[in-house]
Amino acid sequence: MTEDREPTDRPTDDESEARRRARFGKLPKRFAPEELVETKDTEPPPEGPGEPPVRREWV
C-alpha cells in the first residue's frame, strides 16, 4: 500500500517562509519588554518609621 503513494516533497524553510509571508503578510516589529509594561514615576518611600503614638494621644 505504501508503494502506491507518491513521495511528497517537503518544502524547504525558505519556501515555507515565502508561502507564510504571501498568505499573512509581513510580521510587525517586535516590542522590547520595557515597551510592554507601563511605568509611572512615584515619590521615594520615607526614610524610616514615624514617631510612635504617645499613650495620651490614644484617647
N, C-alpha and C. Protein backbone atom coordinates (compact mmCIF):
# COMPACT_ATOMS: atom_id res chain seq x y z
N MET A 1 0.80 -1.19 0.00
CA MET A 1 0.00 0.00 0.00
C MET A 1 0.84 1.26 0.00
N THR A 2 1.88 1.27 0.78
CA THR A 2 2.70 2.47 0.83
C THR A 2 3.45 2.68 -0.48
N GLU A 3 3.59 1.62 -1.28
CA GLU A 3 4.29 1.74 -2.56
C GLU A 3 3.48 2.53 -3.58
N ASP A 4 2.14 2.52 -3.45
CA ASP A 4 1.28 3.22 -4.39
C ASP A 4 1.32 4.74 -4.20
N ARG A 5 1.68 5.15 -3.03
CA ARG A 5 1.68 6.59 -2.75
C ARG A 5 2.91 7.24 -3.37
N GLU A 6 2.70 8.44 -3.87
CA GLU A 6 3.83 9.18 -4.42
C GLU A 6 4.57 9.86 -3.28
N PRO A 7 5.87 9.90 -3.36
CA PRO A 7 6.60 10.61 -2.30
C PRO A 7 6.30 12.11 -2.38
N THR A 8 6.02 12.68 -1.25
CA THR A 8 5.74 14.12 -1.22
C THR A 8 7.02 14.86 -0.86
N ASP A 9 7.31 15.87 -1.64
CA ASP A 9 8.49 16.69 -1.35
C ASP A 9 8.11 17.72 -0.30
N ARG A 10 8.84 17.74 0.76
CA ARG A 10 8.58 18.72 1.81
C ARG A 10 9.23 20.04 1.41
N PRO A 11 8.52 21.14 1.60
CA PRO A 11 9.10 22.43 1.24
C PRO A 11 10.25 22.80 2.18
N THR A 12 11.19 23.53 1.66
CA THR A 12 12.31 23.98 2.49
C THR A 12 11.83 25.11 3.39
N ASP A 13 12.66 25.50 4.32
CA ASP A 13 12.30 26.59 5.23
C ASP A 13 12.05 27.88 4.47
N ASP A 14 12.87 28.15 3.45
CA ASP A 14 12.69 29.37 2.67
C ASP A 14 11.36 29.37 1.92
N GLU A 15 11.00 28.22 1.38
CA GLU A 15 9.72 28.12 0.67
C GLU A 15 8.55 28.28 1.63
N SER A 16 8.66 27.66 2.80
CA SER A 16 7.61 27.78 3.81
C SER A 16 7.45 29.22 4.25
N GLU A 17 8.57 29.90 4.46
CA GLU A 17 8.52 31.30 4.87
C GLU A 17 7.88 32.16 3.78
N ALA A 18 8.22 31.90 2.52
CA ALA A 18 7.65 32.66 1.41
C ALA A 18 6.14 32.44 1.32
N ARG A 19 5.69 31.21 1.52
CA ARG A 19 4.25 30.93 1.50
C ARG A 19 3.53 31.61 2.65
N ARG A 20 4.13 31.55 3.82
CA ARG A 20 3.54 32.18 5.01
C ARG A 20 3.43 33.69 4.81
N ARG A 21 4.50 34.30 4.28
CA ARG A 21 4.51 35.74 4.06
C ARG A 21 3.48 36.13 2.99
N ALA A 22 3.31 35.31 1.95
CA ALA A 22 2.33 35.59 0.90
C ALA A 22 0.91 35.49 1.46
N ARG A 23 0.70 34.58 2.39
CA ARG A 23 -0.65 34.40 2.93
C ARG A 23 -0.99 35.42 4.01
N PHE A 24 -0.07 35.68 4.93
CA PHE A 24 -0.37 36.52 6.09
C PHE A 24 0.26 37.91 6.03
N GLY A 25 1.19 38.14 5.14
CA GLY A 25 1.86 39.43 5.07
C GLY A 25 3.08 39.46 5.99
N LYS A 26 3.69 40.62 6.04
CA LYS A 26 4.90 40.78 6.84
C LYS A 26 4.54 40.91 8.32
N LEU A 27 5.33 40.31 9.17
CA LEU A 27 5.10 40.41 10.60
C LEU A 27 5.44 41.79 11.11
N PRO A 28 4.74 42.27 12.14
CA PRO A 28 5.10 43.56 12.73
C PRO A 28 6.42 43.45 13.49
N LYS A 29 7.03 44.60 13.76
CA LYS A 29 8.30 44.57 14.50
C LYS A 29 8.06 44.08 15.92
N ARG A 30 9.10 43.50 16.49
CA ARG A 30 9.00 43.01 17.87
C ARG A 30 9.07 44.18 18.84
N PHE A 31 8.37 44.03 19.96
CA PHE A 31 8.42 45.03 21.01
C PHE A 31 9.45 44.61 22.05
N ALA A 32 10.15 45.58 22.58
CA ALA A 32 11.09 45.31 23.67
C ALA A 32 10.28 45.12 24.95
N PRO A 33 10.76 44.32 25.90
CA PRO A 33 10.00 44.10 27.14
C PRO A 33 9.66 45.39 27.87
N GLU A 34 10.55 46.37 27.85
CA GLU A 34 10.26 47.62 28.55
C GLU A 34 9.15 48.43 27.86
N GLU A 35 8.87 48.13 26.61
CA GLU A 35 7.77 48.80 25.91
C GLU A 35 6.43 48.15 26.24
N LEU A 36 6.42 46.95 26.78
CA LEU A 36 5.19 46.24 27.08
C LEU A 36 4.61 46.60 28.44
N VAL A 37 5.41 47.16 29.33
CA VAL A 37 4.97 47.47 30.68
C VAL A 37 4.90 48.97 30.86
N GLU A 38 3.77 49.44 31.36
CA GLU A 38 3.63 50.87 31.62
C GLU A 38 4.27 51.19 32.96
N THR A 39 5.11 52.20 32.99
CA THR A 39 5.76 52.60 34.23
C THR A 39 5.29 53.98 34.63
N LYS A 40 5.35 54.26 35.92
CA LYS A 40 4.93 55.56 36.43
C LYS A 40 5.91 55.96 37.53
N ASP A 41 6.43 57.19 37.43
CA ASP A 41 7.34 57.67 38.45
C ASP A 41 6.56 57.98 39.73
N THR A 42 7.11 57.59 40.86
CA THR A 42 6.47 57.82 42.15
C THR A 42 7.46 58.47 43.10
N GLU A 43 6.94 58.92 44.23
CA GLU A 43 7.80 59.51 45.26
C GLU A 43 8.55 58.38 45.96
N PRO A 44 9.79 58.65 46.41
CA PRO A 44 10.52 57.61 47.14
C PRO A 44 9.86 57.36 48.50
N PRO A 45 10.00 56.16 49.04
CA PRO A 45 9.39 55.87 50.35
C PRO A 45 10.07 56.67 51.45
N PRO A 46 9.39 56.86 52.58
CA PRO A 46 10.02 57.60 53.70
C PRO A 46 11.25 56.85 54.20
N GLU A 47 12.15 57.60 54.81
CA GLU A 47 13.41 57.02 55.27
C GLU A 47 13.23 55.98 56.37
N GLY A 48 12.38 56.25 57.33
CA GLY A 48 12.19 55.32 58.43
C GLY A 48 10.79 55.43 58.99
N PRO A 49 10.50 54.65 60.02
CA PRO A 49 9.15 54.73 60.60
C PRO A 49 8.96 56.07 61.31
N GLY A 50 7.71 56.50 61.36
CA GLY A 50 7.41 57.75 62.04
C GLY A 50 7.49 57.59 63.54
N GLU A 51 7.21 58.67 64.24
CA GLU A 51 7.24 58.62 65.70
C GLU A 51 6.10 57.74 66.19
N PRO A 52 6.35 56.91 67.19
CA PRO A 52 5.27 56.08 67.73
C PRO A 52 4.26 56.96 68.46
N PRO A 53 2.98 56.57 68.46
CA PRO A 53 1.98 57.39 69.15
C PRO A 53 2.20 57.33 70.67
N VAL A 54 1.98 58.45 71.30
CA VAL A 54 2.11 58.53 72.77
C VAL A 54 0.78 58.09 73.36
N ARG A 55 0.82 57.49 74.53
CA ARG A 55 -0.39 56.96 75.14
C ARG A 55 -1.45 58.03 75.33
N ARG A 56 -1.05 59.27 75.57
CA ARG A 56 -2.02 60.36 75.78
C ARG A 56 -2.83 60.60 74.52
N GLU A 57 -2.26 60.33 73.34
CA GLU A 57 -2.93 60.59 72.08
C GLU A 57 -3.93 59.51 71.72
N TRP A 58 -3.93 58.39 72.44
CA TRP A 58 -4.85 57.31 72.12
C TRP A 58 -6.29 57.67 72.46
N VAL A 59 -6.49 58.46 73.45
CA VAL A 59 -7.84 58.76 73.93
C VAL A 59 -8.45 59.89 73.19
